């Protein structure tokens, strides 16, 4: 179960970081903030980003 949670967290982190840096939606400060949040709070950040960040 721990490996599954780790894998889900890793996928969420990679998804948020890739999506933020591949689009010109944010300035560099915004991209850095999203990246740091994705590294430390990966699943929670992915949920928040899916709801609010992709607009």
PDB file of N, CA and C in Angstrom:
ATOM      1  N   UNK A   1       0.824  -1.196   0.000  1.00  0.00           N
ATOM      2  CA  UNK A   1       0.000   0.000   0.000  1.00  0.00           C
ATOM      3  C   UNK A   1       0.869   1.261   0.000  1.00  0.00           C
ATOM      4  N   UNK A   2       1.983   1.209   0.708  1.00  0.00           N
ATOM      5  CA  UNK A   2       2.869   2.371   0.754  1.00  0.00           C
ATOM      6  C   UNK A   2       3.468   2.664  -0.613  1.00  0.00           C
ATOM      7  N   UNK A   3       3.788   1.609  -1.347  1.00  0.00           N
ATOM      8  CA  UNK A   3       4.363   1.802  -2.682  1.00  0.00           C
ATOM      9  C   UNK A   3       3.353   2.424  -3.632  1.00  0.00           C
ATOM     10  N   UNK A   4       2.094   2.043  -3.500  1.00  0.00           N
ATOM     11  CA  UNK A   4       1.047   2.610  -4.345  1.00  0.00           C
ATOM     12  C   UNK A   4       0.857   4.094  -4.046  1.00  0.00           C
ATOM     13  N   UNK A   5       0.842   4.461  -2.783  1.00  0.00           N
ATOM     14  CA  UNK A   5       0.707   5.865  -2.405  1.00  0.00           C
ATOM     15  C   UNK A   5       1.909   6.675  -2.867  1.00  0.00           C
ATOM     16  N   UNK A   6       3.084   6.105  -2.766  1.00  0.00           N
ATOM     17  CA  UNK A   6       4.297   6.766  -3.259  1.00  0.00           C
ATOM     18  C   UNK A   6       4.216   6.979  -4.765  1.00  0.00           C
ATOM     19  N   UNK A   7       3.765   5.973  -5.489  1.00  0.00           N
ATOM     20  CA  UNK A   7       3.652   6.072  -6.944  1.00  0.00           C
ATOM     21  C   UNK A   7       2.614   7.113  -7.350  1.00  0.00           C
ATOM     22  N   UNK A   8       1.488   7.154  -6.670  1.00  0.00           N
ATOM     23  CA  UNK A   8       0.460   8.161  -6.963  1.00  0.00           C
ATOM     24  C   UNK A   8       1.003   9.556  -6.693  1.00  0.00           C
ATOM     25  N   UNK A   9       1.702   9.735  -5.596  1.00  0.00           N
ATOM     26  CA  UNK A   9       2.306  11.025  -5.283  1.00  0.00           C
ATOM     27  C   UNK A   9       3.331  11.448  -6.308  1.00  0.00           C
ATOM     28  N   UNK A  10       4.129  10.510  -6.764  1.00  0.00           N
ATOM     29  CA  UNK A  10       5.141  10.806  -7.778  1.00  0.00           C
ATOM     30  C   UNK A  10       4.500  11.208  -9.103  1.00  0.00           C
ATOM     31  N   UNK A  11       3.473  10.493  -9.503  1.00  0.00           N
ATOM     32  CA  UNK A  11       2.769  10.828 -10.746  1.00  0.00           C
ATOM     33  C   UNK A  11       2.116  12.202 -10.639  1.00  0.00           C
ATOM     34  N   UNK A  12       1.505  12.496  -9.508  1.00  0.00           N
ATOM     35  CA  UNK A  12       0.889  13.812  -9.308  1.00  0.00           C
ATOM     36  C   UNK A  12       1.931  14.920  -9.384  1.00  0.00           C
ATOM     37  N   UNK A  13       3.060  14.711  -8.745  1.00  0.00           N
ATOM     38  CA  UNK A  13       4.114  15.717  -8.752  1.00  0.00           C
ATOM     39  C   UNK A  13       4.631  15.964 -10.162  1.00  0.00           C
ATOM     40  N   UNK A  14       4.901  14.908 -10.901  1.00  0.00           N
ATOM     41  CA  UNK A  14       5.417  15.051 -12.264  1.00  0.00           C
ATOM     42  C   UNK A  14       4.385  15.729 -13.155  1.00  0.00           C
ATOM     43  N   UNK A  15       3.124  15.374 -13.005  1.00  0.00           N
ATOM     44  CA  UNK A  15       2.064  15.975 -13.820  1.00  0.00           C
ATOM     45  C   UNK A  15       1.964  17.481 -13.592  1.00  0.00           C
ATOM     46  N   UNK A  16       1.933  17.902 -12.335  1.00  0.00           N
ATOM     47  CA  UNK A  16       1.819  19.331 -12.031  1.00  0.00           C
ATOM     48  C   UNK A  16       3.037  20.084 -12.551  1.00  0.00           C
ATOM     49  N   UNK A  17       4.224  19.583 -12.289  1.00  0.00           N
ATOM     50  CA  UNK A  17       5.441  20.273 -12.728  1.00  0.00           C
ATOM     51  C   UNK A  17       5.493  20.353 -14.249  1.00  0.00           C
ATOM     52  N   UNK A  18       5.180  19.275 -14.934  1.00  0.00           N
ATOM     53  CA  UNK A  18       5.198  19.292 -16.401  1.00  0.00           C
ATOM     54  C   UNK A  18       4.167  20.273 -16.952  1.00  0.00           C
ATOM     55  N   UNK A  19       2.963  20.239 -16.418  1.00  0.00           N
ATOM     56  CA  UNK A  19       1.903  21.097 -16.935  1.00  0.00           C
ATOM     57  C   UNK A  19       2.194  22.571 -16.683  1.00  0.00           C
ATOM     58  N   UNK A  20       2.736  22.888 -15.525  1.00  0.00           N
ATOM     59  CA  UNK A  20       3.046  24.287 -15.209  1.00  0.00           C
ATOM     60  C   UNK A  20       4.151  24.821 -16.107  1.00  0.00           C
ATOM     61  N   UNK A  21       5.216  24.053 -16.287  1.00  0.00           N
ATOM     62  CA  UNK A  21       6.368  24.552 -17.045  1.00  0.00           C
ATOM     63  C   UNK A  21       6.187  24.453 -18.555  1.00  0.00           C
ATOM     64  N   UNK A  22       5.256  23.649 -19.037  1.00  0.00           N
ATOM     65  CA  UNK A  22       5.088  23.510 -20.484  1.00  0.00           C
ATOM     66  C   UNK A  22       4.157  24.560 -21.075  1.00  0.00           C
ATOM     67  N   UNK A  23       3.447  25.288 -20.241  1.00  0.00           N
ATOM     68  CA  UNK A  23       2.517  26.302 -20.729  1.00  0.00           C
ATOM     69  C   UNK A  23       2.934  27.680 -20.221  1.00  0.00           C
ATOM     70  N   UNK A  24       2.562  28.706 -20.954  1.00  0.00           N
ATOM     71  CA  UNK A  24       2.905  30.080 -20.565  1.00  0.00           C
ATOM     72  C   UNK A  24       1.780  30.735 -19.776  1.00  0.00           C
ATOM     73  N   UNK A  25       1.174  29.983 -18.914  1.00  0.00           N
ATOM     74  CA  UNK A  25       0.053  30.478 -18.136  1.00  0.00           C
ATOM     75  C   UNK A  25       0.510  31.328 -16.944  1.00  0.00           C
ATOM     76  N   UNK A  26       1.687  31.043 -16.425  1.00  0.00           N
ATOM     77  CA  UNK A  26       2.195  31.725 -15.240  1.00  0.00           C
ATOM     78  C   UNK A  26       3.540  32.365 -15.534  1.00  0.00           C
ATOM     79  N   UNK A  27       3.878  33.382 -14.723  1.00  0.00           N
ATOM     80  CA  UNK A  27       5.231  33.927 -14.810  1.00  0.00           C
ATOM     81  C   UNK A  27       6.171  32.984 -14.052  1.00  0.00           C
ATOM     82  N   UNK A  28       7.450  33.292 -14.038  1.00  0.00           N
ATOM     83  CA  UNK A  28       8.431  32.387 -13.423  1.00  0.00           C
ATOM     84  C   UNK A  28       8.214  32.208 -11.929  1.00  0.00           C
ATOM     85  N   UNK A  29       7.778  33.258 -11.241  1.00  0.00           N
ATOM     86  CA  UNK A  29       7.534  33.141  -9.798  1.00  0.00           C
ATOM     87  C   UNK A  29       6.379  32.179  -9.539  1.00  0.00           C
ATOM     88  N   UNK A  30       5.329  32.295 -10.320  1.00  0.00           N
ATOM     89  CA  UNK A  30       4.198  31.381 -10.180  1.00  0.00           C
ATOM     90  C   UNK A  30       4.585  29.942 -10.471  1.00  0.00           C
ATOM     91  N   UNK A  31       5.421  29.755 -11.477  1.00  0.00           N
ATOM     92  CA  UNK A  31       5.883  28.410 -11.814  1.00  0.00           C
ATOM     93  C   UNK A  31       6.726  27.819 -10.689  1.00  0.00           C
ATOM     94  N   UNK A  32       7.568  28.639 -10.084  1.00  0.00           N
ATOM     95  CA  UNK A  32       8.409  28.161  -8.977  1.00  0.00           C
ATOM     96  C   UNK A  32       7.553  27.810  -7.765  1.00  0.00           C
ATOM     97  N   UNK A  33       6.544  28.621  -7.478  1.00  0.00           N
ATOM     98  CA  UNK A  33       5.661  28.337  -6.343  1.00  0.00           C
ATOM     99  C   UNK A  33       4.911  27.024  -6.553  1.00  0.00           C
ATOM    100  N   UNK A  34       4.352  26.828  -7.753  1.00  0.00           N
ATOM    101  CA  UNK A  34       3.657  25.571  -8.046  1.00  0.00           C
ATOM    102  C   UNK A  34       4.609  24.384  -7.965  1.00  0.00           C
ATOM    103  N   UNK A  35       5.835  24.558  -8.424  1.00  0.00           N
ATOM    104  CA  UNK A  35       6.815  23.471  -8.398  1.00  0.00           C
ATOM    105  C   UNK A  35       7.183  23.093  -6.969  1.00  0.00           C
ATOM    106  N   UNK A  36       7.446  24.076  -6.136  1.00  0.00           N
ATOM    107  CA  UNK A  36       7.780  23.800  -4.732  1.00  0.00           C
ATOM    108  C   UNK A  36       6.609  23.135  -4.024  1.00  0.00           C
ATOM    109  N   UNK A  37       5.403  23.627  -4.282  1.00  0.00           N
ATOM    110  CA  UNK A  37       4.219  23.009  -3.676  1.00  0.00           C
ATOM    111  C   UNK A  37       4.059  21.566  -4.138  1.00  0.00           C
ATOM    112  N   UNK A  38       4.322  21.307  -5.423  1.00  0.00           N
ATOM    113  CA  UNK A  38       4.188  19.942  -5.945  1.00  0.00           C
ATOM    114  C   UNK A  38       5.224  19.005  -5.343  1.00  0.00           C
ATOM    115  N   UNK A  39       6.399  19.509  -5.052  1.00  0.00           N
ATOM    116  CA  UNK A  39       7.441  18.659  -4.469  1.00  0.00           C
ATOM    117  C   UNK A  39       7.107  18.287  -3.026  1.00  0.00           C
ATOM    118  N   UNK A  40       6.612  19.240  -2.250  1.00  0.00           N
ATOM    119  CA  UNK A  40       6.377  18.985  -0.830  1.00  0.00           C
ATOM    120  C   UNK A  40       4.984  18.444  -0.518  1.00  0.00           C
ATOM    121  N   UNK A  41       3.975  18.851  -1.275  1.00  0.00           N
ATOM    122  CA  UNK A  41       2.590  18.431  -1.016  1.00  0.00           C
ATOM    123  C   UNK A  41       1.987  17.893  -2.311  1.00  0.00           C
ATOM    124  N   UNK A  42       2.548  16.828  -2.841  1.00  0.00           N
ATOM    125  CA  UNK A  42       2.261  16.420  -4.207  1.00  0.00           C
ATOM    126  C   UNK A  42       0.798  16.090  -4.489  1.00  0.00           C
ATOM    127  N   UNK A  43       0.144  15.267  -3.720  1.00  0.00           N
ATOM    128  CA  UNK A  43      -1.234  14.889  -4.015  1.00  0.00           C
ATOM    129  C   UNK A  43      -2.177  16.057  -3.766  1.00  0.00           C
ATOM    130  N   UNK A  44      -1.997  16.754  -2.665  1.00  0.00           N
ATOM    131  CA  UNK A  44      -2.838  17.914  -2.364  1.00  0.00           C
ATOM    132  C   UNK A  44      -2.660  19.007  -3.411  1.00  0.00           C
ATOM    133  N   UNK A  45      -1.438  19.249  -3.826  1.00  0.00           N
ATOM    134  CA  UNK A  45      -1.176  20.255  -4.855  1.00  0.00           C
ATOM    135  C   UNK A  45      -1.821  19.864  -6.174  1.00  0.00           C
ATOM    136  N   UNK A  46      -1.788  18.596  -6.525  1.00  0.00           N
ATOM    137  CA  UNK A  46      -2.412  18.149  -7.772  1.00  0.00           C
ATOM    138  C   UNK A  46      -3.917  18.379  -7.748  1.00  0.00           C
ATOM    139  N   UNK A  47      -4.540  18.153  -6.609  1.00  0.00           N
ATOM    140  CA  UNK A  47      -5.982  18.391  -6.490  1.00  0.00           C
ATOM    141  C   UNK A  47      -6.286  19.874  -6.613  1.00  0.00           C
ATOM    142  N   UNK A  48      -5.540  20.705  -5.894  1.00  0.00           N
ATOM    143  CA  UNK A  48      -5.754  22.155  -5.954  1.00  0.00           C
ATOM    144  C   UNK A  48      -5.465  22.680  -7.351  1.00  0.00           C
ATOM    145  N   UNK A  49      -4.417  22.188  -7.982  1.00  0.00           N
ATOM    146  CA  UNK A  49      -4.061  22.631  -9.331  1.00  0.00           C
ATOM    147  C   UNK A  49      -5.126  22.219 -10.343  1.00  0.00           C
ATOM    148  N   UNK A  50      -5.671  21.034 -10.202  1.00  0.00           N
ATOM    149  CA  UNK A  50      -6.713  20.577 -11.122  1.00  0.00           C
ATOM    150  C   UNK A  50      -7.974  21.425 -11.000  1.00  0.00           C
ATOM    151  N   UNK A  51      -8.264  21.909  -9.794  1.00  0.00           N
ATOM    152  CA  UNK A  51      -9.471  22.710  -9.586  1.00  0.00           C
ATOM    153  C   UNK A  51      -9.243  24.170  -9.945  1.00  0.00           C
ATOM    154  N   UNK A  52      -8.158  24.765  -9.469  1.00  0.00           N
ATOM    155  CA  UNK A  52      -7.962  26.206  -9.612  1.00  0.00           C
ATOM    156  C   UNK A  52      -6.871  26.610 -10.596  1.00  0.00           C
ATOM    157  N   UNK A  53      -5.861  25.814 -10.774  1.00  0.00           N
ATOM    158  CA  UNK A  53      -4.691  26.229 -11.533  1.00  0.00           C
ATOM    159  C   UNK A  53      -4.799  26.121 -13.031  1.00  0.00           C
ATOM    160  N   UNK A  54      -5.668  25.298 -13.525  1.00  0.00           N
ATOM    161  CA  UNK A  54      -5.741  25.066 -14.965  1.00  0.00           C
ATOM    162  C   UNK A  54      -6.647  26.048 -15.684  1.00  0.00           C
ATOM    163  N   UNK A  55      -7.149  27.038 -15.028  1.00  0.00           N
ATOM    164  CA  UNK A  55      -8.051  28.024 -15.656  1.00  0.00           C
ATOM    165  C   UNK A  55      -7.336  28.902 -16.609  1.00  0.00           C
TER     166      UNK A  55
END
